[in-house]
Amino acid sequence: MPAKKRCQLDGCRNAVQRIAGECSHCSSHYCTSHRLPETHACGKLTECKQQAFEANRAKLESQTAIADKLVAS
């Protein structure tokens, strides 16, 4: 039986969370305490935030008000 994978954060020896323990940005494996990018100081966190900002901006720009619905009859 292979040894349990351990959290890749320096100083942490907790077991890796199986389902959601892999960071989708840096592809490293972390325990439940360090699985979020903010908690393990992910190197790609700023890139992730920028992508989310761009996606949100594009979504907001695509939503426009229709003038006919705003005019009272």
Protein backbone atom coordinates (compact mmCIF):
# COMPACT_ATOMS: atom_id res chain seq x y z
CA MET A 1 0.00 0.00 0.00
CA PRO A 2 1.53 3.36 -1.02
CA ALA A 3 2.23 6.02 1.56
CA LYS A 4 -0.36 8.76 2.01
CA LYS A 5 0.25 11.93 0.09
CA ARG A 6 1.06 14.85 2.34
CA CYS A 7 0.23 18.54 2.02
CA GLN A 8 2.80 20.33 -0.13
CA LEU A 9 2.81 23.48 2.01
CA ASP A 10 6.11 23.83 3.87
CA GLY A 11 5.77 22.70 7.47
CA CYS A 12 2.39 20.97 7.07
CA ARG A 13 2.30 17.19 7.42
CA ASN A 14 -1.48 16.67 7.10
CA ALA A 15 -2.86 14.21 4.57
CA VAL A 16 -3.98 15.52 1.20
CA GLN A 17 -7.71 15.89 0.66
CA ARG A 18 -8.66 13.36 -2.04
CA ILE A 19 -11.54 15.06 -3.83
CA ALA A 20 -10.76 18.78 -3.74
CA GLY A 21 -7.15 18.83 -2.56
CA GLU A 22 -5.52 19.67 -5.88
CA CYS A 23 -5.18 23.36 -6.69
CA SER A 24 -6.56 23.93 -10.17
CA HIS A 25 -4.15 26.83 -10.69
CA CYS A 26 -0.77 25.45 -9.61
CA SER A 27 -1.63 21.69 -9.70
CA SER A 28 -0.16 21.08 -6.25
CA HIS A 29 -1.86 18.92 -3.60
CA TYR A 30 -2.98 20.29 -0.23
CA CYS A 31 -4.84 19.32 2.93
CA THR A 32 -8.26 20.71 3.85
CA SER A 33 -6.70 23.68 5.63
CA HIS A 34 -4.56 24.77 2.68
CA ARG A 35 -6.60 23.73 -0.39
CA LEU A 36 -7.76 27.26 -1.28
CA PRO A 37 -5.34 29.40 -3.35
CA GLU A 38 -5.42 32.17 -0.72
CA THR A 39 -4.35 29.85 2.09
CA HIS A 40 -1.33 28.31 0.37
CA ALA A 41 -0.10 31.53 -1.26
CA CYS A 42 -0.66 30.18 -4.77
CA GLY A 43 1.82 31.61 -7.25
CA LYS A 44 -0.88 31.90 -9.87
CA LEU A 45 -3.42 33.68 -7.64
CA THR A 46 -3.07 37.07 -9.33
CA GLU A 47 -3.50 35.42 -12.75
CA CYS A 48 -6.60 33.63 -11.48
CA LYS A 49 -8.11 36.85 -10.11
CA GLN A 50 -7.39 38.66 -13.39
CA GLN A 51 -9.12 35.92 -15.41
CA ALA A 52 -12.15 36.06 -13.12
CA PHE A 53 -12.23 39.86 -13.40
CA GLU A 54 -12.10 39.71 -17.21
CA ALA A 55 -14.85 37.08 -17.36
CA ASN A 56 -17.05 39.12 -15.04
CA ARG A 57 -16.44 42.31 -17.03
CA ALA A 58 -17.31 40.57 -20.30
CA LYS A 59 -20.52 39.21 -18.77
CA LEU A 60 -21.54 42.63 -17.45
CA GLU A 61 -20.75 44.35 -20.76
CA SER A 62 -22.86 41.83 -22.66
CA GLN A 63 -25.91 42.62 -20.53
CA THR A 64 -27.68 45.71 -21.86
CA ALA A 65 -30.93 47.36 -20.97
CA ILE A 66 -33.62 47.38 -23.62
CA ALA A 67 -34.94 50.92 -24.11
CA ASP A 68 -38.49 49.81 -25.03
CA LYS A 69 -38.96 48.23 -21.63
CA LEU A 70 -37.79 51.36 -19.81
CA VAL A 71 -40.25 53.74 -21.50
CA ALA A 72 -43.52 54.11 -19.60
CA SER A 73 -46.68 53.90 -21.71
